[in-house]
């Protein structure tokens, strides 16, 4: 992979982390309990924990891939970049 493309892909992976974090914050905002009805506190907390684990795993994977791509862009000898 050319270094320029590897750098752009690595930065894109870190940008995806920010997008995933914003998406989680939006979903958590929507799934909060309201006084007019809807989800209760217990179910909201369960949903936040479940979605938090999923989003954390996706963000960690994007960080790992982004680091490897940026190493590859700097010219490091990466045997298995992904």
PDB file of N, CA and C in Angstrom:
ATOM      1  N   UNK A   1       0.858  -1.173   0.000  1.00  0.00           N
ATOM      2  CA  UNK A   1       0.000   0.000   0.000  1.00  0.00           C
ATOM      3  C   UNK A   1       0.900   1.231   0.000  1.00  0.00           C
ATOM      4  N   UNK A   2       0.618   2.187  -0.863  1.00  0.00           N
ATOM      5  CA  UNK A   2       1.408   3.420  -0.874  1.00  0.00           C
ATOM      6  C   UNK A   2       1.267   4.179   0.446  1.00  0.00           C
ATOM      7  N   UNK A   3       2.356   4.833   0.877  1.00  0.00           N
ATOM      8  CA  UNK A   3       2.306   5.528   2.169  1.00  0.00           C
ATOM      9  C   UNK A   3       1.235   6.603   2.261  1.00  0.00           C
ATOM     10  N   UNK A   4       0.971   7.301   1.182  1.00  0.00           N
ATOM     11  CA  UNK A   4      -0.040   8.364   1.214  1.00  0.00           C
ATOM     12  C   UNK A   4      -1.438   7.788   1.484  1.00  0.00           C
ATOM     13  N   UNK A   5      -1.746   6.680   0.836  1.00  0.00           N
ATOM     14  CA  UNK A   5      -3.049   6.043   1.036  1.00  0.00           C
ATOM     15  C   UNK A   5      -3.132   5.434   2.430  1.00  0.00           C
ATOM     16  N   UNK A   6      -2.021   4.859   2.910  1.00  0.00           N
ATOM     17  CA  UNK A   6      -2.018   4.278   4.254  1.00  0.00           C
ATOM     18  C   UNK A   6      -2.245   5.362   5.308  1.00  0.00           C
ATOM     19  N   UNK A   7      -1.658   6.537   5.104  1.00  0.00           N
ATOM     20  CA  UNK A   7      -1.857   7.626   6.059  1.00  0.00           C
ATOM     21  C   UNK A   7      -3.311   8.095   6.050  1.00  0.00           C
ATOM     22  N   UNK A   8      -3.884   8.248   4.867  1.00  0.00           N
ATOM     23  CA  UNK A   8      -5.284   8.666   4.779  1.00  0.00           C
ATOM     24  C   UNK A   8      -6.219   7.621   5.390  1.00  0.00           C
ATOM     25  N   UNK A   9      -5.926   6.348   5.159  1.00  0.00           N
ATOM     26  CA  UNK A   9      -6.759   5.290   5.730  1.00  0.00           C
ATOM     27  C   UNK A   9      -6.622   5.252   7.253  1.00  0.00           C
ATOM     28  N   UNK A  10      -5.414   5.478   7.758  1.00  0.00           N
ATOM     29  CA  UNK A  10      -5.204   5.510   9.208  1.00  0.00           C
ATOM     30  C   UNK A  10      -5.934   6.671   9.856  1.00  0.00           C
ATOM     31  N   UNK A  11      -5.853   7.832   9.240  1.00  0.00           N
ATOM     32  CA  UNK A  11      -6.580   8.985   9.766  1.00  0.00           C
ATOM     33  C   UNK A  11      -8.089   8.793   9.649  1.00  0.00           C
ATOM     34  N   UNK A  12      -8.516   8.108   8.609  1.00  0.00           N
ATOM     35  CA  UNK A  12      -9.933   7.795   8.456  1.00  0.00           C
ATOM     36  C   UNK A  12     -10.420   6.851   9.549  1.00  0.00           C
ATOM     37  N   UNK A  13      -9.561   5.923   9.961  1.00  0.00           N
ATOM     38  CA  UNK A  13      -9.927   5.015  11.053  1.00  0.00           C
ATOM     39  C   UNK A  13     -10.108   5.793  12.353  1.00  0.00           C
ATOM     40  N   UNK A  14      -9.250   6.776  12.599  1.00  0.00           N
ATOM     41  CA  UNK A  14      -9.409   7.599  13.803  1.00  0.00           C
ATOM     42  C   UNK A  14     -10.636   8.510  13.688  1.00  0.00           C
ATOM     43  N   UNK A  15     -10.948   8.961  12.492  1.00  0.00           N
ATOM     44  CA  UNK A  15     -12.164   9.738  12.277  1.00  0.00           C
ATOM     45  C   UNK A  15     -13.410   8.895  12.519  1.00  0.00           C
ATOM     46  N   UNK A  16     -13.333   7.627  12.144  1.00  0.00           N
ATOM     47  CA  UNK A  16     -14.459   6.718  12.399  1.00  0.00           C
ATOM     48  C   UNK A  16     -14.669   6.540  13.901  1.00  0.00           C
ATOM     49  N   UNK A  17     -13.588   6.572  14.675  1.00  0.00           N
ATOM     50  CA  UNK A  17     -13.715   6.486  16.141  1.00  0.00           C
ATOM     51  C   UNK A  17     -14.539   7.654  16.673  1.00  0.00           C
ATOM     52  N   UNK A  18     -14.264   8.837  16.173  1.00  0.00           N
ATOM     53  CA  UNK A  18     -15.027  10.006  16.605  1.00  0.00           C
ATOM     54  C   UNK A  18     -16.488   9.889  16.189  1.00  0.00           C
ATOM     55  N   UNK A  19     -16.726   9.386  14.991  1.00  0.00           N
ATOM     56  CA  UNK A  19     -18.097   9.192  14.530  1.00  0.00           C
ATOM     57  C   UNK A  19     -18.840   8.154  15.357  1.00  0.00           C
ATOM     58  N   UNK A  20     -18.166   7.067  15.725  1.00  0.00           N
ATOM     59  CA  UNK A  20     -18.797   6.048  16.561  1.00  0.00           C
ATOM     60  C   UNK A  20     -19.111   6.590  17.949  1.00  0.00           C
ATOM     61  N   UNK A  21     -18.212   7.389  18.481  1.00  0.00           N
ATOM     62  CA  UNK A  21     -18.452   7.983  19.797  1.00  0.00           C
ATOM     63  C   UNK A  21     -19.644   8.945  19.747  1.00  0.00           C
ATOM     64  N   UNK A  22     -19.741   9.719  18.688  1.00  0.00           N
ATOM     65  CA  UNK A  22     -20.879  10.634  18.538  1.00  0.00           C
ATOM     66  C   UNK A  22     -22.181   9.859  18.356  1.00  0.00           C
ATOM     67  N   UNK A  23     -22.134   8.756  17.622  1.00  0.00           N
ATOM     68  CA  UNK A  23     -23.325   7.939  17.435  1.00  0.00           C
ATOM     69  C   UNK A  23     -23.784   7.323  18.753  1.00  0.00           C
ATOM     70  N   UNK A  24     -22.829   6.852  19.560  1.00  0.00           N
ATOM     71  CA  UNK A  24     -23.192   6.307  20.863  1.00  0.00           C
ATOM     72  C   UNK A  24     -23.808   7.383  21.753  1.00  0.00           C
ATOM     73  N   UNK A  25     -23.236   8.568  21.749  1.00  0.00           N
ATOM     74  CA  UNK A  25     -23.786   9.654  22.561  1.00  0.00           C
ATOM     75  C   UNK A  25     -25.206  10.007  22.110  1.00  0.00           C
ATOM     76  N   UNK A  26     -25.450  10.000  20.815  1.00  0.00           N
ATOM     77  CA  UNK A  26     -26.777  10.291  20.296  1.00  0.00           C
ATOM     78  C   UNK A  26     -27.780   9.214  20.705  1.00  0.00           C
ATOM     79  N   UNK A  27     -27.393   7.945  20.594  1.00  0.00           N
ATOM     80  CA  UNK A  27     -28.283   6.852  20.983  1.00  0.00           C
ATOM     81  C   UNK A  27     -28.542   6.889  22.488  1.00  0.00           C
ATOM     82  N   UNK A  28     -27.516   7.176  23.290  1.00  0.00           N
ATOM     83  CA  UNK A  28     -27.703   7.265  24.738  1.00  0.00           C
ATOM     84  C   UNK A  28     -28.630   8.427  25.088  1.00  0.00           C
ATOM     85  N   UNK A  29     -28.548   9.512  24.342  1.00  0.00           N
ATOM     86  CA  UNK A  29     -29.426  10.657  24.571  1.00  0.00           C
ATOM     87  C   UNK A  29     -30.879  10.294  24.264  1.00  0.00           C
ATOM     88  N   UNK A  30     -31.077   9.565  23.186  1.00  0.00           N
ATOM     89  CA  UNK A  30     -32.428   9.171  22.796  1.00  0.00           C
ATOM     90  C   UNK A  30     -33.006   8.149  23.788  1.00  0.00           C
ATOM     91  N   UNK A  31     -32.169   7.246  24.293  1.00  0.00           N
ATOM     92  CA  UNK A  31     -32.652   6.154  25.146  1.00  0.00           C
ATOM     93  C   UNK A  31     -32.716   6.529  26.623  1.00  0.00           C
ATOM     94  N   UNK A  32     -32.650   7.799  26.933  1.00  0.00           N
ATOM     95  CA  UNK A  32     -32.742   8.182  28.345  1.00  0.00           C
ATOM     96  C   UNK A  32     -34.208   8.176  28.779  1.00  0.00           C
ATOM     97  N   UNK A  33     -34.442   7.922  30.056  1.00  0.00           N
ATOM     98  CA  UNK A  33     -35.831   7.899  30.536  1.00  0.00           C
ATOM     99  C   UNK A  33     -36.470   9.292  30.468  1.00  0.00           C
ATOM    100  N   UNK A  34     -37.739   9.305  30.158  1.00  0.00           N
ATOM    101  CA  UNK A  34     -38.473  10.566  30.088  1.00  0.00           C
ATOM    102  C   UNK A  34     -39.626  10.573  31.077  1.00  0.00           C
ATOM    103  N   UNK A  35     -40.105  11.748  31.385  1.00  0.00           N
ATOM    104  CA  UNK A  35     -41.187  11.833  32.366  1.00  0.00           C
ATOM    105  C   UNK A  35     -42.545  11.572  31.740  1.00  0.00           C
ATOM    106  N   UNK A  36     -42.617  11.557  30.418  1.00  0.00           N
ATOM    107  CA  UNK A  36     -43.886  11.317  29.740  1.00  0.00           C
ATOM    108  C   UNK A  36     -44.110   9.849  29.370  1.00  0.00           C
ATOM    109  N   UNK A  37     -43.205   8.988  29.790  1.00  0.00           N
ATOM    110  CA  UNK A  37     -43.338   7.567  29.483  1.00  0.00           C
ATOM    111  C   UNK A  37     -42.151   7.077  28.685  1.00  0.00           C
ATOM    112  N   UNK A  38     -42.221   5.852  28.252  1.00  0.00           N
ATOM    113  CA  UNK A  38     -41.137   5.274  27.478  1.00  0.00           C
ATOM    114  C   UNK A  38     -40.302   4.336  28.317  1.00  0.00           C
ATOM    115  N   UNK A  39     -39.026   4.346  28.127  1.00  0.00           N
ATOM    116  CA  UNK A  39     -38.111   3.424  28.790  1.00  0.00           C
ATOM    117  C   UNK A  39     -37.907   3.839  30.249  1.00  0.00           C
ATOM    118  N   UNK A  40     -37.726   2.844  31.129  1.00  0.00           N
ATOM    119  CA  UNK A  40     -37.474   3.164  32.531  1.00  0.00           C
ATOM    120  C   UNK A  40     -35.970   3.158  32.803  1.00  0.00           C
ATOM    121  N   UNK A  41     -35.571   3.502  34.028  1.00  0.00           N
ATOM    122  CA  UNK A  41     -34.150   3.633  34.374  1.00  0.00           C
ATOM    123  C   UNK A  41     -33.385   2.335  34.197  1.00  0.00           C
ATOM    124  N   UNK A  42     -33.950   1.232  34.642  1.00  0.00           N
ATOM    125  CA  UNK A  42     -33.248  -0.050  34.573  1.00  0.00           C
ATOM    126  C   UNK A  42     -32.982  -0.456  33.126  1.00  0.00           C
ATOM    127  N   UNK A  43     -33.977  -0.373  32.293  1.00  0.00           N
ATOM    128  CA  UNK A  43     -33.797  -0.736  30.892  1.00  0.00           C
ATOM    129  C   UNK A  43     -32.869   0.229  30.169  1.00  0.00           C
ATOM    130  N   UNK A  44     -32.886   1.489  30.536  1.00  0.00           N
ATOM    131  CA  UNK A  44     -31.982   2.459  29.920  1.00  0.00           C
ATOM    132  C   UNK A  44     -30.534   2.127  30.266  1.00  0.00           C
ATOM    133  N   UNK A  45     -30.283   1.776  31.516  1.00  0.00           N
ATOM    134  CA  UNK A  45     -28.915   1.446  31.928  1.00  0.00           C
ATOM    135  C   UNK A  45     -28.438   0.174  31.237  1.00  0.00           C
ATOM    136  N   UNK A  46     -29.304  -0.820  31.126  1.00  0.00           N
ATOM    137  CA  UNK A  46     -28.941  -2.059  30.427  1.00  0.00           C
ATOM    138  C   UNK A  46     -28.622  -1.768  28.959  1.00  0.00           C
ATOM    139  N   UNK A  47     -29.412  -0.927  28.327  1.00  0.00           N
ATOM    140  CA  UNK A  47     -29.165  -0.569  26.923  1.00  0.00           C
ATOM    141  C   UNK A  47     -27.854   0.187  26.778  1.00  0.00           C
ATOM    142  N   UNK A  48     -27.572   1.109  27.701  1.00  0.00           N
ATOM    143  CA  UNK A  48     -26.316   1.866  27.624  1.00  0.00           C
ATOM    144  C   UNK A  48     -25.110   0.959  27.810  1.00  0.00           C
ATOM    145  N   UNK A  49     -25.189   0.015  28.731  1.00  0.00           N
ATOM    146  CA  UNK A  49     -24.063  -0.901  28.959  1.00  0.00           C
ATOM    147  C   UNK A  49     -23.852  -1.808  27.747  1.00  0.00           C
ATOM    148  N   UNK A  50     -24.944  -2.356  27.216  1.00  0.00           N
ATOM    149  CA  UNK A  50     -24.823  -3.245  26.063  1.00  0.00           C
ATOM    150  C   UNK A  50     -24.260  -2.508  24.850  1.00  0.00           C
ATOM    151  N   UNK A  51     -24.801  -1.349  24.562  1.00  0.00           N
ATOM    152  CA  UNK A  51     -24.312  -0.580  23.419  1.00  0.00           C
ATOM    153  C   UNK A  51     -22.911  -0.033  23.672  1.00  0.00           C
ATOM    154  N   UNK A  52     -22.619   0.297  24.930  1.00  0.00           N
ATOM    155  CA  UNK A  52     -21.281   0.776  25.269  1.00  0.00           C
ATOM    156  C   UNK A  52     -20.218  -0.270  25.004  1.00  0.00           C
ATOM    157  N   UNK A  53     -20.507  -1.520  25.343  1.00  0.00           N
ATOM    158  CA  UNK A  53     -19.558  -2.591  25.059  1.00  0.00           C
ATOM    159  C   UNK A  53     -19.338  -2.787  23.575  1.00  0.00           C
ATOM    160  N   UNK A  54     -20.405  -2.739  22.818  1.00  0.00           N
ATOM    161  CA  UNK A  54     -20.302  -2.896  21.368  1.00  0.00           C
ATOM    162  C   UNK A  54     -19.500  -1.764  20.743  1.00  0.00           C
ATOM    163  N   UNK A  55     -19.837  -0.542  21.118  1.00  0.00           N
ATOM    164  CA  UNK A  55     -19.130   0.608  20.554  1.00  0.00           C
ATOM    165  C   UNK A  55     -17.674   0.656  21.025  1.00  0.00           C
ATOM    166  N   UNK A  56     -17.416   0.239  22.268  1.00  0.00           N
ATOM    167  CA  UNK A  56     -16.030   0.205  22.754  1.00  0.00           C
ATOM    168  C   UNK A  56     -15.200  -0.780  21.945  1.00  0.00           C
ATOM    169  N   UNK A  57     -15.757  -1.942  21.637  1.00  0.00           N
ATOM    170  CA  UNK A  57     -15.026  -2.927  20.831  1.00  0.00           C
ATOM    171  C   UNK A  57     -14.745  -2.391  19.425  1.00  0.00           C
ATOM    172  N   UNK A  58     -15.722  -1.727  18.830  1.00  0.00           N
ATOM    173  CA  UNK A  58     -15.509  -1.162  17.496  1.00  0.00           C
ATOM    174  C   UNK A  58     -14.456  -0.056  17.510  1.00  0.00           C
ATOM    175  N   UNK A  59     -14.488   0.777  18.534  1.00  0.00           N
ATOM    176  CA  UNK A  59     -13.514   1.870  18.632  1.00  0.00           C
ATOM    177  C   UNK A  59     -12.113   1.321  18.864  1.00  0.00           C
ATOM    178  N   UNK A  60     -11.976   0.313  19.712  1.00  0.00           N
ATOM    179  CA  UNK A  60     -10.664  -0.292  19.958  1.00  0.00           C
ATOM    180  C   UNK A  60     -10.105  -0.921  18.692  1.00  0.00           C
ATOM    181  N   UNK A  61     -10.960  -1.591  17.928  1.00  0.00           N
ATOM    182  CA  UNK A  61     -10.509  -2.187  16.666  1.00  0.00           C
ATOM    183  C   UNK A  61     -10.065  -1.109  15.681  1.00  0.00           C
ATOM    184  N   UNK A  62     -10.789   0.003  15.598  1.00  0.00           N
ATOM    185  CA  UNK A  62     -10.399   1.083  14.692  1.00  0.00           C
ATOM    186  C   UNK A  62      -9.089   1.735  15.134  1.00  0.00           C
ATOM    187  N   UNK A  63      -8.886   1.855  16.427  1.00  0.00           N
ATOM    188  CA  UNK A  63      -7.627   2.427  16.916  1.00  0.00           C
ATOM    189  C   UNK A  63      -6.457   1.525  16.558  1.00  0.00           C
ATOM    190  N   UNK A  64      -6.618   0.220  16.750  1.00  0.00           N
ATOM    191  CA  UNK A  64      -5.537  -0.722  16.427  1.00  0.00           C
ATOM    192  C   UNK A  64      -5.201  -0.693  14.939  1.00  0.00           C
ATOM    193  N   UNK A  65      -6.220  -0.686  14.107  1.00  0.00           N
ATOM    194  CA  UNK A  65      -5.992  -0.651  12.662  1.00  0.00           C
ATOM    195  C   UNK A  65      -5.375   0.688  12.254  1.00  0.00           C
ATOM    196  N   UNK A  66      -5.859   1.783  12.833  1.00  0.00           N
ATOM    197  CA  UNK A  66      -5.308   3.104  12.511  1.00  0.00           C
ATOM    198  C   UNK A  66      -3.849   3.234  12.886  1.00  0.00           C
ATOM    199  N   UNK A  67      -3.463   2.693  14.041  1.00  0.00           N
ATOM    200  CA  UNK A  67      -2.051   2.739  14.449  1.00  0.00           C
ATOM    201  C   UNK A  67      -1.173   1.966  13.478  1.00  0.00           C
ATOM    202  N   UNK A  68      -1.633   0.785  13.077  1.00  0.00           N
ATOM    203  CA  UNK A  68      -0.843  -0.011  12.141  1.00  0.00           C
ATOM    204  C   UNK A  68      -0.720   0.678  10.790  1.00  0.00           C
ATOM    205  N   UNK A  69      -1.791   1.302  10.332  1.00  0.00           N
ATOM    206  CA  UNK A  69      -1.719   1.999   9.048  1.00  0.00           C
ATOM    207  C   UNK A  69      -0.801   3.213   9.110  1.00  0.00           C
ATOM    208  N   UNK A  70      -0.800   3.929  10.226  1.00  0.00           N
ATOM    209  CA  UNK A  70       0.103   5.075  10.341  1.00  0.00           C
ATOM    210  C   UNK A  70       1.558   4.625  10.452  1.00  0.00           C
ATOM    211  N   UNK A  71       1.806   3.494  11.106  1.00  0.00           N
ATOM    212  CA  UNK A  71       3.167   2.928  11.121  1.00  0.00           C
ATOM    213  C   UNK A  71       3.599   2.554   9.710  1.00  0.00           C
ATOM    214  N   UNK A  72       2.691   1.956   8.965  1.00  0.00           N
ATOM    215  CA  UNK A  72       2.991   1.579   7.589  1.00  0.00           C
ATOM    216  C   UNK A  72       3.262   2.815   6.733  1.00  0.00           C
ATOM    217  N   UNK A  73       2.557   3.900   6.980  1.00  0.00           N
ATOM    218  CA  UNK A  73       2.753   5.134   6.221  1.00  0.00           C
ATOM    219  C   UNK A  73       4.102   5.775   6.507  1.00  0.00           C
ATOM    220  N   UNK A  74       4.600   5.599   7.747  1.00  0.00           N
ATOM    221  CA  UNK A  74       5.906   6.163   8.090  1.00  0.00           C
ATOM    222  C   UNK A  74       7.066   5.327   7.556  1.00  0.00           C
ATOM    223  N   UNK A  75       6.743   4.175   6.984  1.00  0.00           N
ATOM    224  CA  UNK A  75       7.787   3.358   6.398  1.00  0.00           C
ATOM    225  C   UNK A  75       8.316   2.301   7.335  1.00  0.00           C
ATOM    226  N   UNK A  76       7.621   2.029   8.401  1.00  0.00           N
ATOM    227  CA  UNK A  76       8.066   0.995   9.333  1.00  0.00           C
ATOM    228  C   UNK A  76       7.920  -0.370   8.662  1.00  0.00           C
ATOM    229  N   UNK A  77       8.770  -1.282   9.062  1.00  0.00           N
ATOM    230  CA  UNK A  77       8.717  -2.636   8.531  1.00  0.00           C
ATOM    231  C   UNK A  77       7.666  -3.421   9.314  1.00  0.00           C
ATOM    232  N   UNK A  78       6.443  -3.357   8.826  1.00  0.00           N
ATOM    233  CA  UNK A  78       5.332  -4.037   9.480  1.00  0.00           C
ATOM    234  C   UNK A  78       5.062  -5.316   8.712  1.00  0.00           C
ATOM    235  N   UNK A  79       5.274  -6.440   9.380  1.00  0.00           N
ATOM    236  CA  UNK A  79       5.130  -7.721   8.713  1.00  0.00           C
ATOM    237  C   UNK A  79       3.660  -8.031   8.391  1.00  0.00           C
ATOM    238  N   UNK A  80       2.799  -7.847   9.382  1.00  0.00           N
ATOM    239  CA  UNK A  80       1.361  -8.062   9.193  1.00  0.00           C
ATOM    240  C   UNK A  80       0.641  -6.777   9.594  1.00  0.00           C
ATOM    241  N   UNK A  81       0.444  -5.850   8.656  1.00  0.00           N
ATOM    242  CA  UNK A  81      -0.113  -4.541   9.029  1.00  0.00           C
ATOM    243  C   UNK A  81      -1.530  -4.613   9.561  1.00  0.00           C
ATOM    244  N   UNK A  82      -2.315  -5.575   9.148  1.00  0.00           N
ATOM    245  CA  UNK A  82      -3.683  -5.671   9.628  1.00  0.00           C
ATOM    246  C   UNK A  82      -3.877  -7.040  10.170  1.00  0.00           C
TER     247      UNK A  82
END
